[in-house]
């Protein structure tokens, strides 16, 4: 068990990744201060070593309070890609919010901060697999805002204002994940289809492995100003992924393929109409891109410098997810 008596602050503790990091730290015997915008978002978290903190990335005084006396910060909170948000919302949370976190951490003399970015800052990848030296190539407002937030964190680390590193997760899934639940349910009910041939590469990371990677990054204090891509055992074609899920569900594999271009145009049109009205589009371009963009990453740097490695095989991860979904009656 760890001996640190000061708490570690986790921003975005009510989210899928943030809550898993909270659980991981508590399992290590560490104290945790879990921050969310509203206290009711943290109702499911309870532990003798857990403190709850209400805070907003756009509210500097709340960040100052949350940072007091912490051993380190895991900055996870962000505005994820939701097609009914205007661009300004992404900038306020993912850029100015990061700046606010950095300034509050510096003012509180926080020993170390681990910043959560995304492989999405690389956009569409031309040369596979991508690594930490692959140039930025964001393709939408979410990716652009995360890129700018990442740059702010790196500048703070490399200028000596803070100690810390950036983690870029691959495509995140795992027990309790509601974002990939729809994909699994569609396969389970034989409604999943491909946009294109299903040969685009996908590269997932189990959220439990990701939480462990964040802790490794916090532990390795000799690493500063670095970027680490964290992803699972292997990249694979979407068709291979879907067929393994179907096999584990004991249902026929998906086979329907729809044309790419018409669905891209339809997604763009839906966004153009719905976003100004703040209505969630029934289909949007970024969702279509899931079926067409390649995602394959070299995790050698995280392996060699942080000691990161997935805990189990892809097949084991799928089994755990489906067991969890069945317990929750999600499939």
Protein backbone atom coordinates (compact mmCIF):
# COMPACT_ATOMS: atom_id res chain seq x y z
CA UNK A 1 0.00 0.00 0.00
CA UNK A 2 1.12 3.57 -0.65
CA UNK A 3 2.24 5.86 2.19
CA UNK A 4 1.27 9.29 0.77
CA UNK A 5 -1.16 10.96 3.19
CA UNK A 6 -2.13 13.95 1.05
CA UNK A 7 -4.99 13.42 -1.40
CA UNK A 8 -4.67 13.22 -5.17
CA UNK A 9 -7.10 15.45 -7.03
CA UNK A 10 -9.02 13.92 -9.95
CA UNK A 11 -10.91 16.41 -12.10
CA UNK A 12 -13.80 14.98 -14.09
CA UNK A 13 -14.21 12.32 -11.40
CA UNK A 14 -17.83 11.64 -12.37
CA UNK A 15 -16.87 10.57 -15.90
CA UNK A 16 -15.97 7.15 -17.21
CA UNK A 17 -12.19 7.64 -17.08
CA UNK A 18 -12.11 9.88 -14.02
CA UNK A 19 -14.19 7.52 -11.89
CA UNK A 20 -11.97 4.58 -12.87
CA UNK A 21 -8.87 6.54 -11.83
CA UNK A 22 -10.56 7.31 -8.51
CA UNK A 23 -11.23 3.59 -7.98
CA UNK A 24 -7.68 2.67 -8.93
CA UNK A 25 -6.15 5.15 -6.48
CA UNK A 26 -8.44 4.04 -3.67
CA UNK A 27 -7.49 0.42 -4.33
CA UNK A 28 -3.87 1.44 -3.83
CA UNK A 29 -4.74 2.79 -0.39
CA UNK A 30 -4.35 6.42 -1.46
CA UNK A 31 -6.48 9.38 -0.46
CA UNK A 32 -8.45 10.95 -3.28
CA UNK A 33 -10.23 14.26 -3.78
CA UNK A 34 -12.83 13.72 -6.51
CA UNK A 35 -13.98 16.86 -8.30
CA UNK A 36 -17.08 17.31 -10.44
CA UNK A 37 -19.22 20.26 -11.47
CA UNK A 38 -22.10 19.14 -9.24
CA UNK A 39 -22.02 17.10 -6.07
CA UNK A 40 -24.93 14.92 -7.20
CA UNK A 41 -22.70 13.61 -10.03
CA UNK A 42 -20.52 11.95 -7.38
CA UNK A 43 -23.30 10.15 -5.50
CA UNK A 44 -22.07 6.73 -6.62
CA UNK A 45 -18.61 7.27 -5.10
CA UNK A 46 -18.12 6.50 -1.42
CA UNK A 47 -15.00 5.51 0.54
CA UNK A 48 -13.31 6.44 3.80
CA UNK A 49 -10.31 7.79 1.85
CA UNK A 50 -12.45 9.83 -0.53
CA UNK A 51 -13.21 13.55 -0.38
CA UNK A 52 -15.78 15.12 -2.69
CA UNK A 53 -15.19 18.55 -4.22
CA UNK A 54 -17.50 20.70 -6.31
CA UNK A 55 -15.60 22.59 -8.97
CA UNK A 56 -15.74 23.90 -12.50
CA UNK A 57 -12.86 24.39 -14.93
CA UNK A 58 -14.28 27.83 -15.74
CA UNK A 59 -14.46 28.83 -12.04
CA UNK A 60 -10.95 29.60 -10.81
CA UNK A 61 -11.83 29.98 -7.09
CA UNK A 62 -13.31 26.46 -7.06
CA UNK A 63 -10.09 25.13 -8.61
CA UNK A 64 -7.99 26.97 -6.03
CA UNK A 65 -9.97 25.30 -3.25
CA UNK A 66 -9.70 21.85 -4.84
CA UNK A 67 -5.92 22.14 -5.30
CA UNK A 68 -5.08 22.96 -1.69
CA UNK A 69 -2.73 20.44 -0.09
CA UNK A 70 -2.86 17.80 -2.83
CA UNK A 71 -0.06 15.37 -3.67
CA UNK A 72 -0.77 15.59 -7.39
CA UNK A 73 -3.47 16.26 -9.97
CA UNK A 74 -4.97 14.04 -12.64
CA UNK A 75 -6.63 16.47 -15.01
CA UNK A 76 -9.27 14.40 -16.80
CA UNK A 77 -12.23 16.77 -17.11
CA UNK A 78 -13.02 17.90 -20.65
CA UNK A 79 -15.91 18.54 -22.99
CA UNK A 80 -16.10 15.46 -25.16
CA UNK A 81 -17.41 15.61 -28.70
CA UNK A 82 -21.13 16.25 -28.60
CA UNK A 83 -22.56 17.57 -31.82
CA UNK A 84 -25.08 19.90 -30.16
CA UNK A 85 -22.46 22.14 -28.49
CA UNK A 86 -21.23 25.36 -30.13
CA UNK A 87 -17.51 25.75 -30.76
CA UNK A 88 -17.11 28.28 -27.93
CA UNK A 89 -18.03 25.62 -25.35
CA UNK A 90 -15.13 23.41 -26.43
CA UNK A 91 -12.73 26.33 -26.25
CA UNK A 92 -13.96 27.41 -22.80
CA UNK A 93 -13.50 23.93 -21.29
CA UNK A 94 -10.68 22.27 -23.23
CA UNK A 95 -8.43 25.31 -23.64
CA UNK A 96 -9.25 28.03 -21.12
CA UNK A 97 -10.18 25.35 -18.62
CA UNK A 98 -6.73 23.78 -18.97
CA UNK A 99 -5.14 27.20 -18.49
CA UNK A 100 -7.17 27.69 -15.32
CA UNK A 101 -6.10 24.28 -14.00
CA UNK A 102 -2.44 25.03 -14.71
CA UNK A 103 -2.56 28.43 -13.02
CA UNK A 104 -4.34 27.02 -9.98
CA UNK A 105 -1.83 24.15 -9.74
CA UNK A 106 1.12 26.54 -9.96
CA UNK A 107 -0.39 28.84 -7.33
CA UNK A 108 -0.99 25.89 -4.99
CA UNK A 109 2.53 24.53 -5.61
CA UNK A 110 1.15 21.17 -6.73
CA UNK A 111 4.06 18.70 -7.03
CA UNK A 112 2.90 17.02 -10.25
CA UNK A 113 0.07 17.11 -12.81
CA UNK A 114 -0.87 14.46 -15.37
CA UNK A 115 -2.89 15.87 -18.25
CA UNK A 116 -5.35 13.77 -20.25
CA UNK A 117 -5.28 14.55 -23.96
CA UNK A 118 -6.41 12.28 -26.82
CA UNK A 119 -4.98 10.56 -29.87
CA UNK A 120 -7.65 12.59 -31.66
CA UNK A 121 -5.19 15.49 -31.85
CA UNK A 122 -3.52 13.48 -34.63
CA UNK A 123 -6.75 13.42 -36.67
CA UNK A 124 -6.66 11.25 -39.76
CA UNK A 125 -3.34 9.39 -39.71
CA UNK A 126 -1.53 8.94 -43.01
CA UNK A 127 1.40 6.79 -41.86
CA UNK A 128 0.61 3.94 -39.49
CA UNK A 129 1.18 3.25 -36.71
CA UNK A 130 1.23 6.76 -35.23
CA UNK A 131 3.51 7.61 -32.33
CA UNK A 132 4.37 10.63 -30.19
CA UNK A 133 6.31 12.22 -33.07
CA UNK A 134 3.40 12.11 -35.52
CA UNK A 135 2.43 15.71 -36.41
CA UNK A 136 -0.76 17.27 -35.12
CA UNK A 137 -3.59 17.03 -37.62
CA UNK A 138 -6.90 17.80 -35.84
CA UNK A 139 -9.98 17.65 -38.03
CA UNK A 140 -12.80 19.06 -35.86
CA UNK A 141 -13.35 21.55 -33.07
CA UNK A 142 -13.04 18.93 -30.33
CA UNK A 143 -9.68 17.74 -31.62
CA UNK A 144 -8.44 21.30 -32.18
CA UNK A 145 -9.43 22.35 -28.67
CA UNK A 146 -7.75 19.29 -27.15
CA UNK A 147 -4.61 20.03 -29.16
CA UNK A 148 -4.45 23.59 -27.83
CA UNK A 149 -5.05 22.38 -24.28
CA UNK A 150 -2.29 19.79 -24.67
CA UNK A 151 0.09 22.50 -25.89
CA UNK A 152 -0.66 24.60 -22.82
CA UNK A 153 0.12 21.66 -20.54
CA UNK A 154 3.35 20.83 -22.37
CA UNK A 155 4.47 24.45 -22.19
CA UNK A 156 3.86 24.50 -18.44
CA UNK A 157 5.86 21.29 -17.98
CA UNK A 158 8.72 22.18 -20.29
CA UNK A 159 9.08 25.72 -18.96
CA UNK A 160 9.52 24.39 -15.42
CA UNK A 161 6.31 25.89 -14.04
CA UNK A 162 4.96 22.41 -13.27
CA UNK A 163 6.14 18.83 -13.25
CA UNK A 164 4.09 16.47 -15.36
CA UNK A 165 3.39 14.64 -18.61
CA UNK A 166 0.61 14.26 -21.15
CA UNK A 167 -1.28 11.00 -21.66
CA UNK A 168 -2.99 10.42 -25.02
CA UNK A 169 -5.44 7.53 -24.68
CA UNK A 170 -6.51 5.45 -27.65
CA UNK A 171 -10.18 4.57 -28.13
CA UNK A 172 -11.42 3.94 -24.58
CA UNK A 173 -13.76 1.12 -23.62
CA UNK A 174 -14.29 -1.20 -20.69
CA UNK A 175 -16.82 -2.38 -18.10
CA UNK A 176 -19.42 0.31 -17.48
CA UNK A 177 -18.76 2.18 -20.73
CA UNK A 178 -21.92 3.75 -22.10
CA UNK A 179 -20.39 5.11 -25.31
CA UNK A 180 -19.52 1.75 -26.86
CA UNK A 181 -22.60 0.13 -25.31
CA UNK A 182 -24.61 1.09 -28.38
CA UNK A 183 -22.14 -0.69 -30.66
CA UNK A 184 -22.25 -3.86 -28.56
CA UNK A 185 -26.06 -3.74 -28.37
CA UNK A 186 -26.36 -3.33 -32.14
CA UNK A 187 -24.16 -6.38 -32.68
CA UNK A 188 -26.11 -8.32 -30.04
CA UNK A 189 -29.41 -7.50 -31.76
CA UNK A 190 -27.99 -8.10 -35.28
CA UNK A 191 -28.44 -4.45 -36.28
CA UNK A 192 -24.83 -3.38 -36.68
CA UNK A 193 -23.64 -2.36 -40.13
CA UNK A 194 -20.44 -1.05 -41.69
CA UNK A 195 -20.01 2.26 -43.45
CA UNK A 196 -17.61 1.14 -46.12
CA UNK A 197 -16.01 -2.28 -45.97
CA UNK A 198 -15.17 -2.38 -42.27
CA UNK A 199 -11.45 -2.56 -42.98
CA UNK A 200 -10.48 0.62 -41.13
CA UNK A 201 -8.22 -0.02 -38.13
CA UNK A 202 -9.45 0.56 -34.58
CA UNK A 203 -7.24 0.60 -31.49
CA UNK A 204 -8.95 0.44 -28.10
CA UNK A 205 -7.58 0.70 -24.59
CA UNK A 206 -9.26 -0.86 -21.55
CA UNK A 207 -10.19 1.91 -19.09
CA UNK A 208 -8.66 -0.14 -16.26
CA UNK A 209 -5.31 -0.23 -18.06
CA UNK A 210 -5.62 3.48 -18.75
CA UNK A 211 -6.15 4.27 -15.06
CA UNK A 212 -3.02 2.27 -14.24
CA UNK A 213 -1.10 4.17 -16.91
CA UNK A 214 -2.08 7.47 -15.30
CA UNK A 215 -0.72 6.26 -11.98
CA UNK A 216 2.51 5.09 -13.61
CA UNK A 217 2.87 8.55 -15.13
CA UNK A 218 2.40 10.12 -11.70
CA UNK A 219 4.97 7.76 -10.17
CA UNK A 220 7.68 8.35 -12.77
CA UNK A 221 8.65 11.81 -11.56
CA UNK A 222 11.85 11.68 -13.60
CA UNK A 223 9.72 12.02 -16.75
CA UNK A 224 8.72 15.59 -17.47
CA UNK A 225 7.23 17.36 -20.47
CA UNK A 226 6.71 14.07 -22.33
CA UNK A 227 3.77 12.72 -24.32
CA UNK A 228 2.70 9.10 -23.95
CA UNK A 229 0.24 7.29 -26.19
CA UNK A 230 -1.58 4.59 -24.23
CA UNK A 231 -3.49 1.93 -26.17
CA UNK A 232 -4.27 -1.76 -25.97
CA UNK A 233 -2.65 -4.96 -27.14
CA UNK A 234 -3.17 -4.37 -30.87
CA UNK A 235 -4.96 -2.44 -33.57
CA UNK A 236 -7.33 -4.42 -35.79
CA UNK A 237 -9.84 -3.90 -38.59
CA UNK A 238 -13.28 -2.88 -37.37
CA UNK A 239 -14.62 -6.03 -39.02
CA UNK A 240 -12.30 -8.20 -36.88
CA UNK A 241 -13.38 -6.35 -33.75
CA UNK A 242 -17.07 -6.75 -34.60
CA UNK A 243 -16.69 -10.42 -35.45
CA UNK A 244 -15.01 -11.13 -32.09
CA UNK A 245 -17.83 -9.34 -30.24
CA UNK A 246 -20.40 -11.34 -32.26
CA UNK A 247 -18.54 -14.59 -31.49
CA UNK A 248 -18.53 -13.79 -27.77
CA UNK A 249 -22.27 -13.03 -27.98
CA UNK A 250 -22.91 -16.18 -30.01
CA UNK A 251 -24.66 -14.25 -32.80
CA UNK A 252 -23.89 -14.08 -36.54
CA UNK A 253 -21.21 -11.53 -37.48
CA UNK A 254 -22.33 -8.23 -39.06
CA UNK A 255 -22.27 -8.21 -42.85
CA UNK A 256 -24.24 -5.18 -44.16
CA UNK A 257 -22.04 -2.50 -45.78
CA UNK A 258 -23.41 0.98 -46.60
CA UNK A 259 -21.74 3.49 -48.96
CA UNK A 260 -19.47 6.05 -47.32
CA UNK A 261 -20.00 9.26 -49.28
CA UNK A 262 -23.80 9.57 -48.99
CA UNK A 263 -23.65 9.03 -45.22
CA UNK A 264 -20.86 11.61 -44.85
CA UNK A 265 -22.96 14.16 -46.71
CA UNK A 266 -26.02 13.29 -44.65
CA UNK A 267 -24.04 13.63 -41.41
CA UNK A 268 -22.69 17.05 -42.41
CA UNK A 269 -26.17 18.22 -43.38
CA UNK A 270 -27.69 17.06 -40.10
CA UNK A 271 -25.00 18.88 -38.12
CA UNK A 272 -25.49 22.09 -40.11
CA UNK A 273 -29.20 22.07 -39.30
CA UNK A 274 -29.18 20.74 -35.73
CA UNK A 275 -26.13 22.31 -34.07
CA UNK A 276 -27.33 25.96 -34.25
CA UNK A 277 -30.58 24.77 -32.65
CA UNK A 278 -28.70 22.75 -30.00
CA UNK A 279 -30.54 19.62 -31.09
CA UNK A 280 -28.57 16.31 -31.05
CA UNK A 281 -28.33 15.27 -34.72
CA UNK A 282 -29.66 11.79 -35.57
CA UNK A 283 -26.42 11.25 -37.52
CA UNK A 284 -23.31 13.40 -37.73
CA UNK A 285 -20.07 13.44 -39.66
CA UNK A 286 -17.78 12.46 -36.79
CA UNK A 287 -19.81 9.32 -36.14
CA UNK A 288 -19.46 8.36 -39.80
CA UNK A 289 -15.71 8.95 -39.56
CA UNK A 290 -15.53 6.18 -36.93
CA UNK A 291 -16.11 3.73 -39.78
CA UNK A 292 -13.57 5.25 -42.16
CA UNK A 293 -10.55 6.62 -40.29
CA UNK A 294 -7.61 4.40 -39.33
CA UNK A 295 -6.43 4.31 -35.72
CA UNK A 296 -3.25 2.38 -34.99
CA UNK A 297 -0.65 3.43 -32.44
CA UNK A 298 2.84 2.50 -31.31
CA UNK A 299 2.82 2.33 -27.50
CA UNK A 300 6.53 1.51 -27.22
CA UNK A 301 7.37 4.75 -25.44
CA UNK A 302 4.81 4.19 -22.66
CA UNK A 303 6.01 0.61 -22.38
CA UNK A 304 9.71 1.44 -22.12
CA UNK A 305 9.56 4.65 -20.05
CA UNK A 306 6.52 4.05 -17.82
CA UNK A 307 6.41 0.26 -17.73
CA UNK A 308 2.91 0.19 -19.21
CA UNK A 309 1.46 -3.01 -20.66
CA UNK A 310 -2.14 -4.18 -21.07
CA UNK A 311 -3.25 -6.51 -18.30
CA UNK A 312 -4.89 -9.03 -20.63
CA UNK A 313 -5.74 -9.89 -24.22
CA UNK A 314 -8.31 -8.19 -26.41
CA UNK A 315 -10.52 -11.28 -26.13
CA UNK A 316 -10.36 -11.07 -22.34
CA UNK A 317 -11.36 -7.42 -22.41
CA UNK A 318 -14.39 -8.20 -24.59
CA UNK A 319 -15.39 -10.98 -22.22
CA UNK A 320 -15.20 -8.65 -19.21
CA UNK A 321 -17.22 -5.94 -20.94
CA UNK A 322 -19.96 -8.36 -21.93
CA UNK A 323 -20.08 -9.89 -18.45
CA UNK A 324 -20.50 -6.39 -17.01
CA UNK A 325 -23.17 -5.44 -19.57
CA UNK A 326 -25.11 -8.60 -18.78
CA UNK A 327 -25.01 -7.85 -15.05
CA UNK A 328 -26.35 -4.37 -15.75
CA UNK A 329 -28.95 -5.80 -18.18
CA UNK A 330 -27.59 -3.54 -20.92
CA UNK A 331 -27.65 -6.30 -23.53
